[in-house]
Amino acid sequence: MTALKDHLSPDAKQRLRKVQRRVLNLKEQIVGGGQLRERLLIRLLGHHYRSVFRRQWHLADEEPHFFSHRIGMFEFAYLDAAPGPFSYYRGFYNSEVLRSGDRLLDIGCGDGFFTKRFFSERCSHIDALDVEPTAIQAAQALNAATNITYHLLDAVAEPFPAEHYDVIIWDGALGHFPPAATHTMLQKIAAALAPEGIFAGSESLGVEGTDHLQFFPNLDNLRAVFQPYFRHVAAREVDYNLPTDFRRREGFWRCANDTKRFDDCRWQ
């Protein structure tokens, strides 16, 4: 075949390559499947994730302590009624503060989705903590990476795995802690943060959730929680609708005790 190609004109070679691509394309459709198979697989996967959600949130003895982001990402990618990208802003906002080689502490990592998908690429090492055994099991099974160590750990009562971190993230959990535990946590976070480090995270604003132990009506209330522990505090709000027609107000923060890195990642 190679010898034959050598004797073909440039136009003939181009026609031959076109025929070869068409044959390979047809082979790929037969083996890998076309649009019909894709629609069938998406439908089957949708049934699977809806069933998983019902089993976890409606039929279990108690609701899970973390959300499976495989369900969320499937809904975002394929369902018209998906809530949009806003619930993933925490991943984008927090990844903005990361620098290559950072050591990161992720408190309340859940299934490890944000830990691996948003943070692990830039970090030299991540300690990811959660108090819920099923969350750590899911994280180790679904979002493992060589630079991530998942710890089953009570962040309030037990010491952090290392003394110092360049970045500490505490997402979507502040409202689930009573004020006394919040004070303990922020003391530990401030002590563990490197001199130029950044503490970042998010929490819903207003009255949301039946399992919250404290609420933050607005950004001023959220800032006031951090100001006794950090010299510099920045916060911003994003509002978006959930599929239940509830409008969520989410507050995001960045705190530091040194201005240089804080100024470099300040919101404009």
Protein backbone atom coordinates (compact mmCIF):
# COMPACT_ATOMS: atom_id res chain seq x y z
CA MET A 1 0.00 0.00 0.00
CA THR A 2 2.82 2.41 0.86
CA ALA A 3 4.53 1.71 -2.48
CA LEU A 4 1.22 2.36 -4.28
CA LYS A 5 0.78 5.68 -2.48
CA ASP A 6 4.22 6.78 -3.62
CA HIS A 7 3.08 6.56 -7.25
CA LEU A 8 -0.18 8.48 -6.76
CA SER A 9 -0.63 12.11 -7.72
CA PRO A 10 -1.20 14.66 -4.91
CA ASP A 11 -4.92 14.84 -5.79
CA ALA A 12 -5.24 11.06 -5.72
CA LYS A 13 -3.48 10.91 -2.35
CA GLN A 14 -5.89 13.47 -0.96
CA ARG A 15 -8.92 11.50 -2.25
CA LEU A 16 -7.48 8.32 -0.74
CA ARG A 17 -7.01 9.97 2.65
CA LYS A 18 -10.59 11.24 2.49
CA VAL A 19 -11.89 7.74 1.81
CA GLN A 20 -9.78 6.35 4.66
CA ARG A 21 -11.16 8.96 7.08
CA ARG A 22 -14.73 8.09 6.05
CA VAL A 23 -14.09 4.39 6.61
CA LEU A 24 -12.55 5.08 10.03
CA ASN A 25 -15.43 7.41 10.92
CA LEU A 26 -17.95 4.69 10.03
CA LYS A 27 -15.98 2.18 12.09
CA GLU A 28 -16.00 4.55 15.08
CA GLN A 29 -19.79 4.99 14.81
CA ILE A 30 -20.33 1.22 14.69
CA VAL A 31 -18.00 0.49 17.61
CA GLY A 32 -18.46 3.63 19.72
CA GLY A 33 -22.03 4.47 18.81
CA GLY A 34 -23.74 7.39 17.12
CA GLN A 35 -26.32 9.93 18.29
CA LEU A 36 -29.01 7.32 18.89
CA ARG A 37 -26.78 5.36 21.26
CA GLU A 38 -25.72 8.59 22.98
CA ARG A 39 -29.36 9.58 23.61
CA LEU A 40 -30.09 6.11 24.98
CA LEU A 41 -27.07 6.17 27.31
CA ILE A 42 -27.90 9.66 28.57
CA ARG A 43 -31.46 8.56 29.28
CA LEU A 44 -30.26 5.47 31.14
CA LEU A 45 -27.72 7.48 33.13
CA GLY A 46 -30.40 10.03 33.96
CA HIS A 47 -32.64 7.27 35.33
CA HIS A 48 -29.68 5.98 37.35
CA TYR A 49 -28.82 9.32 38.95
CA ARG A 50 -32.47 10.16 39.69
CA SER A 51 -32.75 6.80 41.43
CA VAL A 52 -29.55 7.43 43.39
CA PHE A 53 -30.86 10.84 44.45
CA ARG A 54 -34.20 9.39 45.61
CA ARG A 55 -32.45 6.63 47.55
CA GLN A 56 -30.08 9.07 49.21
CA TRP A 57 -32.38 12.00 49.93
CA HIS A 58 -35.93 10.60 50.16
CA LEU A 59 -35.80 6.90 51.02
CA ALA A 60 -32.85 6.68 53.42
CA ASP A 61 -33.28 6.74 57.19
CA GLU A 62 -31.54 10.12 57.22
CA GLU A 63 -30.36 12.55 54.56
CA PRO A 64 -26.71 12.25 53.51
CA HIS A 65 -24.16 14.65 54.95
CA PHE A 66 -22.74 15.53 51.54
CA PHE A 67 -23.97 15.90 47.96
CA SER A 68 -22.72 13.63 45.17
CA HIS A 69 -21.37 16.01 42.54
CA ARG A 70 -21.56 13.29 39.90
CA ILE A 71 -25.31 13.87 40.06
CA GLY A 72 -24.90 17.64 39.93
CA MET A 73 -22.49 17.63 37.00
CA PHE A 74 -24.69 15.26 35.01
CA GLU A 75 -27.69 17.55 35.56
CA PHE A 76 -25.64 20.62 34.61
CA ALA A 77 -24.35 19.01 31.41
CA TYR A 78 -27.50 17.29 30.14
CA LEU A 79 -30.72 18.54 31.76
CA ASP A 80 -32.56 21.65 30.57
CA ALA A 81 -33.89 22.24 34.10
CA ALA A 82 -30.39 22.27 35.63
CA PRO A 83 -29.73 25.17 38.04
CA GLY A 84 -26.76 26.46 36.04
CA PRO A 85 -23.11 26.95 36.97
CA PHE A 86 -23.61 29.12 40.04
CA SER A 87 -23.30 26.36 42.63
CA TYR A 88 -19.82 25.68 41.20
CA TYR A 89 -18.64 29.27 41.56
CA ARG A 90 -16.98 28.26 44.84
CA GLY A 91 -14.60 26.07 42.86
CA PHE A 92 -13.69 28.81 40.40
CA TYR A 93 -13.38 31.56 43.01
CA ASN A 94 -11.24 29.46 45.34
CA SER A 95 -8.99 28.21 42.54
CA GLU A 96 -8.23 31.83 41.63
CA VAL A 97 -6.19 32.27 44.82
CA LEU A 98 -4.02 29.19 44.23
CA ARG A 99 -0.37 29.33 43.18
CA SER A 100 1.74 26.52 41.84
CA GLY A 101 3.17 24.45 44.69
CA ASP A 102 0.70 25.58 47.37
CA ARG A 103 -0.05 23.38 50.36
CA LEU A 104 -3.81 23.45 50.85
CA LEU A 105 -6.21 22.46 53.62
CA ASP A 106 -9.76 21.69 52.47
CA ILE A 107 -12.12 21.56 55.47
CA GLY A 108 -15.37 19.69 54.88
CA CYS A 109 -14.33 18.21 51.56
CA GLY A 110 -17.43 16.02 51.06
CA ASP A 111 -16.98 13.71 48.09
CA GLY A 112 -13.74 15.44 47.10
CA PHE A 113 -15.15 16.84 43.85
CA PHE A 114 -13.84 20.40 44.33
CA THR A 115 -10.68 19.12 45.99
CA LYS A 116 -9.58 17.18 42.96
CA ARG A 117 -11.30 18.90 40.02
CA PHE A 118 -10.55 22.50 41.00
CA PHE A 119 -7.63 22.52 43.45
CA SER A 120 -5.30 19.57 42.97
CA GLU A 121 -3.68 20.60 39.67
CA ARG A 122 -1.81 23.56 41.19
CA CYS A 123 -1.13 22.26 44.68
CA SER A 124 1.90 20.27 45.77
CA HIS A 125 -0.18 18.67 48.52
CA ILE A 126 -3.74 18.83 49.84
CA ASP A 127 -5.06 17.63 53.19
CA ALA A 128 -8.82 17.20 52.77
CA LEU A 129 -10.93 16.68 55.89
CA ASP A 130 -14.43 15.51 56.63
CA VAL A 131 -16.10 14.19 59.77
CA GLU A 132 -18.46 11.93 57.80
CA PRO A 133 -17.06 8.43 57.03
CA THR A 134 -19.21 7.96 53.90
CA ALA A 135 -17.92 11.25 52.49
CA ILE A 136 -14.30 10.18 52.88
CA GLN A 137 -15.09 6.79 51.37
CA ALA A 138 -16.69 8.46 48.35
CA ALA A 139 -13.79 10.92 48.00
CA GLN A 140 -11.20 8.14 48.06
CA ALA A 141 -13.17 6.09 45.54
CA LEU A 142 -14.17 8.86 43.11
CA ASN A 143 -11.68 11.71 43.49
CA ALA A 144 -8.34 10.26 44.52
CA ALA A 145 -5.08 11.87 43.41
CA THR A 146 -1.44 11.36 44.32
CA ASN A 147 -1.19 14.80 45.93
CA ILE A 148 -4.41 14.51 47.99
CA THR A 149 -4.69 12.85 51.39
CA TYR A 150 -8.25 12.42 52.64
CA HIS A 151 -8.65 12.41 56.43
CA LEU A 152 -11.60 11.26 58.52
CA LEU A 153 -11.23 13.99 61.12
CA ASP A 154 -13.23 16.25 63.42
CA ALA A 155 -11.80 19.64 62.50
CA VAL A 156 -13.08 21.27 65.70
CA ALA A 157 -11.82 18.73 68.22
CA GLU A 158 -8.72 17.32 66.50
CA PRO A 159 -5.55 19.06 65.25
CA PHE A 160 -5.09 19.70 61.55
CA PRO A 161 -2.78 17.23 59.77
CA ALA A 162 -0.02 19.86 59.31
CA GLU A 163 1.04 23.01 61.14
CA HIS A 164 0.89 25.47 58.24
CA TYR A 165 -0.89 25.87 54.89
CA ASP A 166 -0.62 28.42 52.09
CA VAL A 167 -4.37 28.24 51.42
CA ILE A 168 -7.20 27.07 53.67
CA ILE A 169 -10.70 26.55 52.25
CA TRP A 170 -13.88 26.13 54.27
CA ASP A 171 -16.87 25.91 51.96
CA GLY A 172 -20.58 25.72 52.64
CA ALA A 173 -20.22 24.65 56.27
CA LEU A 174 -20.01 27.77 58.44
CA GLY A 175 -23.76 27.87 59.08
CA HIS A 176 -23.75 24.28 60.30
CA PHE A 177 -21.46 25.17 63.23
CA PRO A 178 -22.60 26.87 66.45
CA PRO A 179 -20.88 30.20 67.26
CA ALA A 180 -18.59 28.64 69.89
CA ALA A 181 -17.31 26.04 67.43
CA THR A 182 -16.91 28.77 64.78
CA HIS A 183 -14.67 30.68 67.19
CA THR A 184 -12.53 27.57 67.77
CA MET A 185 -12.29 26.88 64.05
CA LEU A 186 -11.29 30.41 63.09
CA GLN A 187 -8.63 30.48 65.81
CA LYS A 188 -7.17 27.23 64.45
CA ILE A 189 -7.38 28.44 60.84
CA ALA A 190 -5.66 31.75 61.64
CA ALA A 191 -2.89 29.90 63.49
CA ALA A 192 -2.38 27.40 60.66
CA LEU A 193 -2.35 29.95 57.84
CA ALA A 194 1.09 30.80 56.42
CA PRO A 195 2.16 34.47 56.85
CA GLU A 196 1.15 35.30 53.25
CA GLY A 197 -1.63 32.72 53.14
CA ILE A 198 -5.25 33.07 52.04
CA PHE A 199 -8.34 31.76 53.82
CA ALA A 200 -11.29 31.41 51.43
CA GLY A 201 -14.76 29.93 51.42
CA SER A 202 -18.47 30.46 50.99
CA GLU A 203 -21.76 30.31 52.87
CA SER A 204 -25.39 31.00 52.06
CA LEU A 205 -26.86 34.32 53.17
CA GLY A 206 -30.28 34.85 54.71
CA VAL A 207 -32.43 32.08 56.17
CA GLU A 208 -31.77 28.85 54.31
CA GLY A 209 -31.62 25.25 55.48
CA THR A 210 -33.34 23.53 58.37
CA ASP A 211 -30.06 22.17 59.72
CA HIS A 212 -28.26 25.52 60.08
CA LEU A 213 -27.22 26.63 63.54
CA GLN A 214 -26.49 30.23 62.62
CA PHE A 215 -27.52 32.58 59.82
CA PHE A 216 -25.90 35.57 58.13
CA PRO A 217 -28.41 38.11 56.79
CA ASN A 218 -25.90 39.95 54.59
CA LEU A 219 -22.22 40.36 53.72
CA ASP A 220 -21.62 42.76 56.62
CA ASN A 221 -22.65 40.02 59.06
CA LEU A 222 -20.38 37.56 57.29
CA ARG A 223 -17.40 39.94 57.33
CA ALA A 224 -17.94 40.60 61.03
CA VAL A 225 -17.36 36.90 61.78
CA PHE A 226 -13.85 36.99 60.28
CA GLN A 227 -12.60 40.45 61.22
CA PRO A 228 -11.47 39.53 64.77
CA TYR A 229 -9.11 36.90 63.31
CA PHE A 230 -7.80 38.45 60.06
CA ARG A 231 -6.52 41.93 59.22
CA HIS A 232 -7.92 41.88 55.69
CA VAL A 233 -11.36 40.57 54.75
CA ALA A 234 -13.04 40.76 51.34
CA ALA A 235 -16.49 39.42 50.49
CA ARG A 236 -18.87 39.33 47.55
CA GLU A 237 -22.39 38.05 46.92
CA VAL A 238 -23.87 36.01 44.06
CA ASP A 239 -27.62 35.44 43.77
CA TYR A 240 -29.18 32.64 41.70
CA ASN A 241 -32.34 30.55 41.45
CA LEU A 242 -32.49 26.91 42.52
CA PRO A 243 -34.76 24.40 40.70
CA THR A 244 -37.20 24.73 43.61
CA ASP A 245 -37.73 28.42 42.65
CA PHE A 246 -35.87 29.44 45.79
CA ARG A 247 -33.45 32.32 45.19
CA ARG A 248 -30.16 31.57 46.91
CA ARG A 249 -27.88 34.34 48.07
CA GLU A 250 -24.35 33.05 48.46
CA GLY A 251 -21.51 34.94 50.09
CA PHE A 252 -17.86 34.31 49.23
CA TRP A 253 -14.90 35.49 51.29
CA ARG A 254 -11.14 35.86 51.15
CA CYS A 255 -9.17 36.64 54.31
CA ALA A 256 -5.49 37.27 54.99
CA ASN A 257 -3.07 38.86 57.44
CA ASP A 258 -0.63 40.06 54.78
CA THR A 259 -1.53 42.46 51.98
CA LYS A 260 0.66 41.24 49.11
CA ARG A 261 -1.03 38.01 48.12
CA PHE A 262 -4.37 39.35 49.31
CA ASP A 263 -4.08 42.33 46.96
CA ASP A 264 -3.03 40.09 44.08
CA CYS A 265 -6.27 38.13 44.32
CA ARG A 266 -8.62 40.92 45.40
CA TRP A 267 -11.98 41.00 43.62
CA GLN A 268 -12.30 43.91 41.20
